[in-house]
Amino acid sequence: MIFPLNYMRFYRAGRERYYSDIFIKATPGQIHAAVGDAQFLLAPRLEDGAEVRGEYFSDTNRFFAEQIRNISLFLGAFAFIAILISSIGILSIMLVSVVERTREIGLRKALGASKGTIVSQVLNESFVFSILGSLVGLLAASLSARPFLNILAQDLVSPRLSDLGGLHPLAALLAFALTVAAGQIFSLYPALQAAGLVPVDALREI
C-alpha cells in the first residue's frame, strides 16, 4: 500500500498533525480487501466517534462522468433551441423580404430571370444573414462561455472546479456550420415562394 502522507495534510489548533484522506494503491481485484485492511489497521488510531470510510476512484469517476454527461445534454439542448430560434428568425425575415419585394421579383421574372436565379438570390441573402448572426453569436459565446461553464460545473459537479476554459474551437466551428446550414434550409420555403410568383400577378401587387 502507498500512503502519500504529504497530500491533504492539515493541522489542528494544538499543532498535532493528522490527515483527512489517505490514498491506497491496490492491485486489481483486491480493492475491497485493501480497504478492509486499512480500516483494520487505522481503527486503533482513530479518535472517539471517528471512522474510516472507503471510497473508490471508479465510483468517483463514474459520478463525474454522469455529471459531465448531464452538462453536455443541457448544453446540447440549449444549443438546439438557440439554433431553432435563429432559424425561425431567418425564415420570418426572408418571408417579409419576399413579400416586400414582390414587384421587384415579378419585374425580374418578366425580364427573363429564371426560378433558379430567384432562389439563388434569396438563399444568398439568407447566407449573409446567417454568417452575420453566427459571428455575433460566437462573439457573445466566447465572452460568456468561461464564467458560465465554471458556475455550472461548480454547482453540478464540484466546487473545486474553478477554471474549465472557454469556448472550444471545434465547438465554435460546429455551431457556425450548423447555424448557416439551418439558415439555408429554413430559407428554402421563402425562396421557392419567390420563385413561384407569376410575373403578371406580382406586378399588380401594390
Protein backbone atom coordinates (compact mmCIF):
# COMPACT_ATOMS: atom_id res chain seq x y z
CA MET A 1 0.00 0.00 0.00
CA ILE A 2 1.18 3.54 -0.79
CA PHE A 3 0.33 6.34 1.64
CA PRO A 4 1.09 9.83 0.23
CA LEU A 5 1.38 11.43 3.67
CA ASN A 6 2.18 14.90 2.38
CA TYR A 7 -1.09 15.07 0.49
CA MET A 8 -4.22 16.67 2.02
CA ARG A 9 -2.36 17.41 5.28
CA PHE A 10 -3.51 19.97 7.79
CA TYR A 11 -3.00 20.83 11.47
CA ARG A 12 -5.24 21.18 14.47
CA ALA A 13 -5.05 24.03 16.97
CA GLY A 14 -2.73 22.01 19.19
CA ARG A 15 -0.31 21.60 16.25
CA GLU A 16 -0.87 17.84 16.32
CA ARG A 17 -0.59 16.55 12.78
CA TYR A 18 -3.28 14.36 11.30
CA TYR A 19 -4.71 13.60 7.87
CA SER A 20 -8.18 13.84 6.39
CA ASP A 21 -7.55 11.48 3.47
CA ILE A 22 -5.31 8.50 2.81
CA PHE A 23 -4.94 7.11 -0.70
CA ILE A 24 -4.25 3.40 -1.15
CA LYS A 25 -2.99 1.76 -4.32
CA ALA A 26 -4.22 -1.82 -4.66
CA THR A 27 -3.87 -4.49 -7.29
CA PRO A 28 -6.92 -5.19 -9.47
CA GLY A 29 -9.41 -7.43 -7.73
CA GLN A 30 -8.04 -6.60 -4.26
CA ILE A 31 -9.60 -3.18 -3.80
CA HIS A 32 -12.24 -4.18 -1.25
CA ALA A 33 -9.71 -6.25 0.68
CA ALA A 34 -7.27 -3.31 0.75
CA VAL A 35 -9.96 -1.03 2.14
CA GLY A 36 -10.78 -3.59 4.81
CA ASP A 37 -7.11 -3.89 5.76
CA ALA A 38 -6.79 -0.11 6.00
CA GLN A 39 -9.86 0.12 8.21
CA PHE A 40 -8.47 -2.61 10.48
CA LEU A 41 -5.01 -1.02 10.74
CA LEU A 42 -6.26 2.51 11.33
CA ALA A 43 -9.05 1.65 13.77
CA PRO A 44 -6.82 1.80 16.89
CA ARG A 45 -5.54 5.25 15.89
CA LEU A 46 -8.94 6.87 15.48
CA GLU A 47 -10.40 9.32 17.94
CA ASP A 48 -13.74 8.62 19.56
CA GLY A 49 -16.58 8.92 17.08
CA ALA A 50 -14.30 8.82 14.04
CA GLU A 51 -14.49 6.16 11.38
CA VAL A 52 -12.71 5.08 8.22
CA ARG A 53 -14.85 5.08 5.11
CA GLY A 54 -13.67 3.61 1.85
CA GLU A 55 -14.34 5.45 -1.41
CA TYR A 56 -13.27 4.14 -4.78
CA PHE A 57 -11.90 6.14 -7.68
CA SER A 58 -14.08 4.10 -10.01
CA ASP A 59 -17.18 5.40 -8.23
CA THR A 60 -15.80 8.94 -8.29
CA ASN A 61 -15.01 8.70 -11.99
CA ARG A 62 -18.47 7.32 -12.65
CA PHE A 63 -20.02 10.22 -10.75
CA PHE A 64 -18.02 12.84 -12.66
CA ALA A 65 -18.80 11.14 -15.98
CA GLU A 66 -22.51 11.24 -15.17
CA GLN A 67 -22.37 14.91 -14.21
CA ILE A 68 -20.41 15.81 -17.34
CA ARG A 69 -22.95 13.88 -19.42
CA ASN A 70 -25.77 15.87 -17.82
CA ILE A 71 -23.97 19.12 -18.54
CA SER A 72 -23.41 18.05 -22.15
CA LEU A 73 -27.08 17.18 -22.57
CA PHE A 74 -28.12 20.52 -21.10
CA LEU A 75 -25.76 22.49 -23.33
CA GLY A 76 -26.77 20.42 -26.36
CA ALA A 77 -30.46 21.11 -25.75
CA PHE A 78 -29.70 24.79 -25.21
CA ALA A 79 -27.73 24.94 -28.46
CA PHE A 80 -30.51 23.15 -30.36
CA ILE A 81 -33.11 25.62 -29.10
CA ALA A 82 -30.85 28.57 -29.95
CA ILE A 83 -30.29 27.31 -33.50
CA LEU A 84 -34.01 26.62 -33.92
CA ILE A 85 -34.95 30.12 -32.76
CA SER A 86 -32.35 31.74 -35.01
CA SER A 87 -33.54 29.66 -37.98
CA ILE A 88 -37.16 30.67 -37.40
CA GLY A 89 -35.99 34.28 -37.22
CA ILE A 90 -34.24 33.95 -40.58
CA LEU A 91 -37.36 32.32 -42.04
CA SER A 92 -39.51 35.24 -40.87
CA ILE A 93 -37.06 37.83 -42.20
CA MET A 94 -36.87 36.20 -45.61
CA LEU A 95 -40.66 35.81 -45.85
CA VAL A 96 -41.10 39.51 -45.09
CA SER A 97 -38.37 40.36 -47.58
CA VAL A 98 -40.07 38.35 -50.33
CA VAL A 99 -43.44 40.00 -49.63
CA GLU A 100 -41.95 43.49 -49.66
CA ARG A 101 -40.10 42.81 -52.93
CA THR A 102 -42.93 41.10 -54.77
CA ARG A 103 -43.00 43.72 -57.53
CA GLU A 104 -39.20 43.61 -57.90
CA ILE A 105 -39.23 39.83 -58.19
CA GLY A 106 -42.10 39.97 -60.69
CA LEU A 107 -40.22 42.51 -62.79
CA ARG A 108 -37.06 40.39 -62.78
CA LYS A 109 -39.01 37.33 -63.86
CA ALA A 110 -40.74 39.35 -66.59
CA LEU A 111 -37.30 40.38 -67.85
CA GLY A 112 -36.23 36.75 -68.09
CA ALA A 113 -34.88 35.78 -64.66
CA SER A 114 -35.25 32.05 -64.10
CA LYS A 115 -36.62 30.36 -60.99
CA GLY A 116 -33.13 29.18 -60.14
CA THR A 117 -31.85 32.76 -60.22
CA ILE A 118 -34.58 33.93 -57.84
CA VAL A 119 -33.96 31.01 -55.49
CA SER A 120 -30.22 31.70 -55.51
CA GLN A 121 -30.79 35.36 -54.72
CA VAL A 122 -32.95 34.60 -51.68
CA LEU A 123 -30.57 31.90 -50.43
CA ASN A 124 -27.56 34.18 -50.86
CA GLU A 125 -29.24 36.87 -48.79
CA SER A 126 -30.08 34.28 -46.14
CA PHE A 127 -26.47 33.09 -46.21
CA VAL A 128 -25.24 36.60 -45.42
CA PHE A 129 -27.73 36.96 -42.54
CA SER A 130 -26.70 33.55 -41.16
CA ILE A 131 -22.99 34.41 -41.25
CA LEU A 132 -23.51 37.76 -39.54
CA GLY A 133 -25.75 36.21 -36.89
CA SER A 134 -23.28 33.37 -36.30
CA LEU A 135 -20.36 35.76 -35.87
CA VAL A 136 -22.29 37.85 -33.35
CA GLY A 137 -23.36 34.70 -31.50
CA LEU A 138 -19.82 33.31 -31.40
CA LEU A 139 -18.51 36.61 -30.08
CA ALA A 140 -21.09 36.58 -27.29
CA ALA A 141 -20.36 32.90 -26.57
CA SER A 142 -16.61 33.45 -26.40
CA LEU A 143 -17.11 36.21 -23.82
CA SER A 144 -19.59 34.30 -21.66
CA ALA A 145 -18.52 30.65 -22.04
CA ARG A 146 -15.78 30.63 -19.39
CA PRO A 147 -17.78 32.17 -16.49
CA PHE A 148 -20.94 30.25 -17.45
CA LEU A 149 -19.19 26.86 -17.60
CA ASN A 150 -17.32 27.49 -14.36
CA ILE A 151 -20.51 28.37 -12.48
CA LEU A 152 -22.33 25.38 -13.97
CA ALA A 153 -19.51 22.98 -13.12
CA GLN A 154 -19.18 24.22 -9.55
CA ASP A 155 -22.92 23.90 -8.94
CA LEU A 156 -23.45 20.50 -10.59
CA VAL A 157 -20.10 18.75 -10.23
CA SER A 158 -17.73 20.11 -7.61
CA PRO A 159 -16.90 23.48 -6.01
CA ARG A 160 -13.22 22.65 -6.66
CA LEU A 161 -13.68 23.09 -10.40
CA SER A 162 -12.82 26.74 -10.91
CA ASP A 163 -11.49 27.02 -14.46
CA LEU A 164 -12.77 24.83 -17.29
CA GLY A 165 -11.54 27.10 -20.06
CA GLY A 166 -13.55 28.91 -22.69
CA LEU A 167 -15.22 28.13 -25.99
CA HIS A 168 -13.56 25.22 -27.79
CA PRO A 169 -12.60 25.99 -31.42
CA LEU A 170 -14.22 22.79 -32.71
CA ALA A 171 -17.44 23.59 -30.87
CA ALA A 172 -17.41 27.10 -32.35
CA LEU A 173 -16.82 25.73 -35.85
CA LEU A 174 -19.61 23.17 -35.46
CA ALA A 175 -22.05 25.79 -34.16
CA PHE A 176 -21.15 28.11 -37.04
CA ALA A 177 -21.67 25.38 -39.65
CA LEU A 178 -24.97 24.20 -38.14
CA THR A 179 -26.35 27.73 -37.93
CA VAL A 180 -25.50 28.52 -41.55
CA ALA A 181 -26.87 25.17 -42.74
CA ALA A 182 -30.09 25.60 -40.75
CA GLY A 183 -30.49 29.11 -42.14
CA GLN A 184 -30.21 27.81 -45.68
CA ILE A 185 -32.71 25.02 -45.05
CA PHE A 186 -35.27 27.33 -43.46
CA SER A 187 -34.82 29.83 -46.31
CA LEU A 188 -35.81 27.29 -48.95
CA TYR A 189 -39.52 27.91 -48.36
CA PRO A 190 -39.45 31.70 -48.95
CA ALA A 191 -37.04 31.15 -51.86
CA LEU A 192 -39.44 28.73 -53.53
CA GLN A 193 -42.33 31.08 -52.78
CA ALA A 194 -40.49 33.88 -54.54
CA ALA A 195 -39.56 31.66 -57.49
CA GLY A 196 -43.18 30.56 -57.88
CA LEU A 197 -44.58 34.07 -58.26
CA VAL A 198 -46.40 34.75 -61.53
CA PRO A 199 -44.88 37.89 -63.09
CA VAL A 200 -48.24 39.41 -64.06
CA ASP A 201 -49.74 38.88 -60.61
CA ALA A 202 -46.58 40.10 -58.90
CA LEU A 203 -46.53 43.32 -60.91
CA ARG A 204 -50.12 44.01 -59.85
CA GLU A 205 -49.15 43.96 -56.17
CA ILE A 206 -49.14 47.35 -54.56
